[in-house]
Amino acid sequence: MLQGILVKKVLDLVLKQIFKQFDLNKINKYVEEDNELDVQMKQAYKLIDKQGKTIESNEKEIAILKKEIKKLKKEK
């Protein structure tokens, strides 16, 4: 248990030093933080999801209307 914690701390320090020495902070920031394209893709997924729900709702309404039309035709 203690060895695991010690190894984790040592690795964290080594990685921090490597990032500092080779100026990898910008690359790390680019990889870990959302950039412009990530934001656009999230918005696109939200829009697609919303449109899918609208289509499902419209299909349900169409089915109900078709059913009502059949009933009205039978009554004639």
N, C-alpha and C. Protein backbone atom coordinates (compact mmCIF):
# COMPACT_ATOMS: atom_id res chain seq x y z
N MET A 1 0.84 -1.19 0.00
CA MET A 1 0.00 0.00 0.00
C MET A 1 0.88 1.25 0.00
N LEU A 2 1.84 1.28 0.90
CA LEU A 2 2.74 2.42 1.00
C LEU A 2 3.61 2.54 -0.25
N GLN A 3 4.02 1.38 -0.79
CA GLN A 3 4.83 1.39 -2.01
C GLN A 3 4.04 1.98 -3.17
N GLY A 4 2.77 1.64 -3.26
CA GLY A 4 1.91 2.16 -4.34
C GLY A 4 1.79 3.68 -4.27
N ILE A 5 1.58 4.20 -3.09
CA ILE A 5 1.48 5.65 -2.91
C ILE A 5 2.80 6.33 -3.26
N LEU A 6 3.90 5.72 -2.80
CA LEU A 6 5.23 6.26 -3.07
C LEU A 6 5.52 6.27 -4.57
N VAL A 7 5.20 5.19 -5.25
CA VAL A 7 5.42 5.10 -6.70
C VAL A 7 4.59 6.16 -7.42
N LYS A 8 3.35 6.34 -7.01
CA LYS A 8 2.48 7.34 -7.64
C LYS A 8 3.06 8.74 -7.47
N LYS A 9 3.51 9.06 -6.28
CA LYS A 9 4.08 10.38 -6.02
C LYS A 9 5.34 10.61 -6.85
N VAL A 10 6.20 9.59 -6.90
CA VAL A 10 7.45 9.70 -7.66
C VAL A 10 7.12 9.90 -9.15
N LEU A 11 6.19 9.12 -9.67
CA LEU A 11 5.81 9.26 -11.08
C LEU A 11 5.23 10.65 -11.37
N ASP A 12 4.41 11.15 -10.45
CA ASP A 12 3.86 12.49 -10.63
C ASP A 12 4.97 13.53 -10.71
N LEU A 13 5.95 13.42 -9.82
CA LEU A 13 7.07 14.37 -9.83
C LEU A 13 7.90 14.24 -11.10
N VAL A 14 8.14 13.01 -11.54
CA VAL A 14 8.92 12.79 -12.76
C VAL A 14 8.18 13.37 -13.96
N LEU A 15 6.90 13.10 -14.05
CA LEU A 15 6.11 13.63 -15.17
C LEU A 15 6.09 15.16 -15.17
N LYS A 16 5.94 15.73 -13.99
CA LYS A 16 5.93 17.19 -13.89
C LYS A 16 7.25 17.78 -14.38
N GLN A 17 8.35 17.14 -14.01
CA GLN A 17 9.67 17.61 -14.43
C GLN A 17 9.85 17.44 -15.94
N ILE A 18 9.39 16.34 -16.49
CA ILE A 18 9.49 16.12 -17.94
C ILE A 18 8.68 17.17 -18.69
N PHE A 19 7.45 17.43 -18.22
CA PHE A 19 6.61 18.44 -18.85
C PHE A 19 7.28 19.81 -18.82
N LYS A 20 7.90 20.12 -17.70
CA LYS A 20 8.56 21.41 -17.56
C LYS A 20 9.80 21.50 -18.46
N GLN A 21 10.57 20.43 -18.49
CA GLN A 21 11.82 20.44 -19.25
C GLN A 21 11.58 20.50 -20.76
N PHE A 22 10.60 19.80 -21.24
CA PHE A 22 10.35 19.75 -22.69
C PHE A 22 9.20 20.65 -23.13
N ASP A 23 8.69 21.49 -22.24
CA ASP A 23 7.61 22.44 -22.52
C ASP A 23 6.40 21.73 -23.14
N LEU A 24 5.96 20.70 -22.48
CA LEU A 24 4.82 19.92 -22.95
C LEU A 24 3.50 20.39 -22.34
N ASN A 25 3.55 21.47 -21.57
CA ASN A 25 2.34 21.96 -20.92
C ASN A 25 1.28 22.38 -21.94
N LYS A 26 1.72 22.99 -23.05
CA LYS A 26 0.78 23.41 -24.08
C LYS A 26 0.10 22.21 -24.72
N ILE A 27 0.86 21.17 -24.98
CA ILE A 27 0.28 19.96 -25.57
C ILE A 27 -0.67 19.31 -24.58
N ASN A 28 -0.27 19.24 -23.34
CA ASN A 28 -1.13 18.66 -22.32
C ASN A 28 -2.43 19.46 -22.18
N LYS A 29 -2.32 20.77 -22.21
CA LYS A 29 -3.50 21.63 -22.12
C LYS A 29 -4.42 21.37 -23.31
N TYR A 30 -3.86 21.25 -24.50
CA TYR A 30 -4.64 21.01 -25.71
C TYR A 30 -5.37 19.67 -25.63
N VAL A 31 -4.71 18.67 -25.10
CA VAL A 31 -5.29 17.33 -25.02
C VAL A 31 -6.38 17.26 -23.96
N GLU A 32 -6.15 17.84 -22.81
CA GLU A 32 -7.06 17.67 -21.69
C GLU A 32 -8.21 18.67 -21.67
N GLU A 33 -8.02 19.88 -22.15
CA GLU A 33 -9.09 20.88 -22.10
C GLU A 33 -9.87 20.90 -23.40
N ASP A 34 -11.15 21.30 -23.29
CA ASP A 34 -11.98 21.42 -24.48
C ASP A 34 -11.48 22.56 -25.35
N ASN A 35 -11.38 22.29 -26.64
CA ASN A 35 -11.00 23.36 -27.57
C ASN A 35 -12.23 23.73 -28.41
N GLU A 36 -12.03 24.57 -29.38
CA GLU A 36 -13.14 25.10 -30.17
C GLU A 36 -13.93 23.99 -30.87
N LEU A 37 -13.23 23.01 -31.43
CA LEU A 37 -13.92 21.92 -32.13
C LEU A 37 -14.69 21.02 -31.17
N ASP A 38 -14.17 20.82 -29.98
CA ASP A 38 -14.89 20.02 -28.99
C ASP A 38 -16.22 20.68 -28.64
N VAL A 39 -16.19 21.99 -28.46
CA VAL A 39 -17.41 22.74 -28.13
C VAL A 39 -18.40 22.63 -29.29
N GLN A 40 -17.93 22.79 -30.51
CA GLN A 40 -18.81 22.69 -31.68
C GLN A 40 -19.43 21.30 -31.79
N MET A 41 -18.64 20.27 -31.53
CA MET A 41 -19.16 18.90 -31.62
C MET A 41 -20.22 18.65 -30.55
N LYS A 42 -19.99 19.15 -29.34
CA LYS A 42 -20.99 19.00 -28.28
C LYS A 42 -22.29 19.68 -28.68
N GLN A 43 -22.20 20.87 -29.27
CA GLN A 43 -23.40 21.57 -29.72
C GLN A 43 -24.09 20.79 -30.83
N ALA A 44 -23.32 20.21 -31.74
CA ALA A 44 -23.89 19.43 -32.83
C ALA A 44 -24.62 18.20 -32.28
N TYR A 45 -24.02 17.52 -31.30
CA TYR A 45 -24.67 16.35 -30.71
C TYR A 45 -25.97 16.74 -30.02
N LYS A 46 -25.97 17.88 -29.33
CA LYS A 46 -27.19 18.34 -28.67
C LYS A 46 -28.28 18.63 -29.70
N LEU A 47 -27.89 19.28 -30.79
CA LEU A 47 -28.85 19.60 -31.85
C LEU A 47 -29.41 18.33 -32.48
N ILE A 48 -28.54 17.37 -32.75
CA ILE A 48 -28.98 16.10 -33.35
C ILE A 48 -29.94 15.38 -32.41
N ASP A 49 -29.63 15.38 -31.12
CA ASP A 49 -30.49 14.73 -30.14
C ASP A 49 -31.85 15.41 -30.10
N LYS A 50 -31.86 16.73 -30.11
CA LYS A 50 -33.11 17.49 -30.08
C LYS A 50 -33.93 17.21 -31.33
N GLN A 51 -33.28 17.18 -32.48
CA GLN A 51 -34.00 16.92 -33.73
C GLN A 51 -34.55 15.49 -33.75
N GLY A 52 -33.80 14.54 -33.21
CA GLY A 52 -34.28 13.16 -33.13
C GLY A 52 -35.53 13.05 -32.28
N LYS A 53 -35.55 13.76 -31.16
CA LYS A 53 -36.73 13.76 -30.30
C LYS A 53 -37.92 14.40 -31.00
N THR A 54 -37.66 15.47 -31.75
CA THR A 54 -38.73 16.13 -32.50
C THR A 54 -39.30 15.19 -33.56
N ILE A 55 -38.44 14.47 -34.25
CA ILE A 55 -38.89 13.52 -35.27
C ILE A 55 -39.75 12.43 -34.64
N GLU A 56 -39.31 11.90 -33.50
CA GLU A 56 -40.10 10.87 -32.82
C GLU A 56 -41.47 11.40 -32.43
N SER A 57 -41.49 12.61 -31.91
CA SER A 57 -42.75 13.23 -31.51
C SER A 57 -43.67 13.41 -32.72
N ASN A 58 -43.11 13.87 -33.83
CA ASN A 58 -43.90 14.06 -35.04
C ASN A 58 -44.44 12.74 -35.57
N GLU A 59 -43.62 11.69 -35.51
CA GLU A 59 -44.07 10.38 -35.96
C GLU A 59 -45.23 9.87 -35.12
N LYS A 60 -45.18 10.10 -33.82
CA LYS A 60 -46.28 9.70 -32.94
C LYS A 60 -47.56 10.45 -33.30
N GLU A 61 -47.43 11.76 -33.52
CA GLU A 61 -48.59 12.57 -33.89
C GLU A 61 -49.18 12.12 -35.22
N ILE A 62 -48.33 11.79 -36.18
CA ILE A 62 -48.78 11.30 -37.49
C ILE A 62 -49.54 9.99 -37.32
N ALA A 63 -49.03 9.10 -36.49
CA ALA A 63 -49.70 7.82 -36.26
C ALA A 63 -51.08 8.04 -35.64
N ILE A 64 -51.16 8.96 -34.70
CA ILE A 64 -52.45 9.26 -34.06
C ILE A 64 -53.43 9.84 -35.08
N LEU A 65 -52.95 10.76 -35.90
CA LEU A 65 -53.81 11.36 -36.92
C LEU A 65 -54.28 10.34 -37.94
N LYS A 66 -53.41 9.43 -38.35
CA LYS A 66 -53.80 8.37 -39.28
C LYS A 66 -54.89 7.50 -38.68
N LYS A 67 -54.75 7.20 -37.40
CA LYS A 67 -55.74 6.39 -36.71
C LYS A 67 -57.09 7.11 -36.69
N GLU A 68 -57.07 8.40 -36.41
CA GLU A 68 -58.30 9.18 -36.37
C GLU A 68 -58.94 9.27 -37.75
N ILE A 69 -58.12 9.40 -38.78
CA ILE A 69 -58.65 9.45 -40.15
C ILE A 69 -59.33 8.14 -40.51
N LYS A 70 -58.75 7.01 -40.12
CA LYS A 70 -59.36 5.71 -40.39
C LYS A 70 -60.71 5.60 -39.69
N LYS A 71 -60.78 6.09 -38.45
CA LYS A 71 -62.04 6.06 -37.71
C LYS A 71 -63.10 6.90 -38.41
N LEU A 72 -62.70 8.07 -38.88
CA LEU A 72 -63.66 8.95 -39.56
C LEU A 72 -64.13 8.35 -40.88
N LYS A 73 -63.24 7.66 -41.59
CA LYS A 73 -63.63 7.03 -42.85
C LYS A 73 -64.60 5.88 -42.61
N LYS A 74 -64.41 5.15 -41.51
CA LYS A 74 -65.30 4.04 -41.18
C LYS A 74 -66.69 4.56 -40.81
N GLU A 75 -66.77 5.71 -40.17
CA GLU A 75 -68.04 6.29 -39.76
C GLU A 75 -68.88 6.73 -40.96
N LYS A 76 -68.23 7.07 -42.06
CA LYS A 76 -68.96 7.53 -43.25
C LYS A 76 -69.63 6.38 -43.89
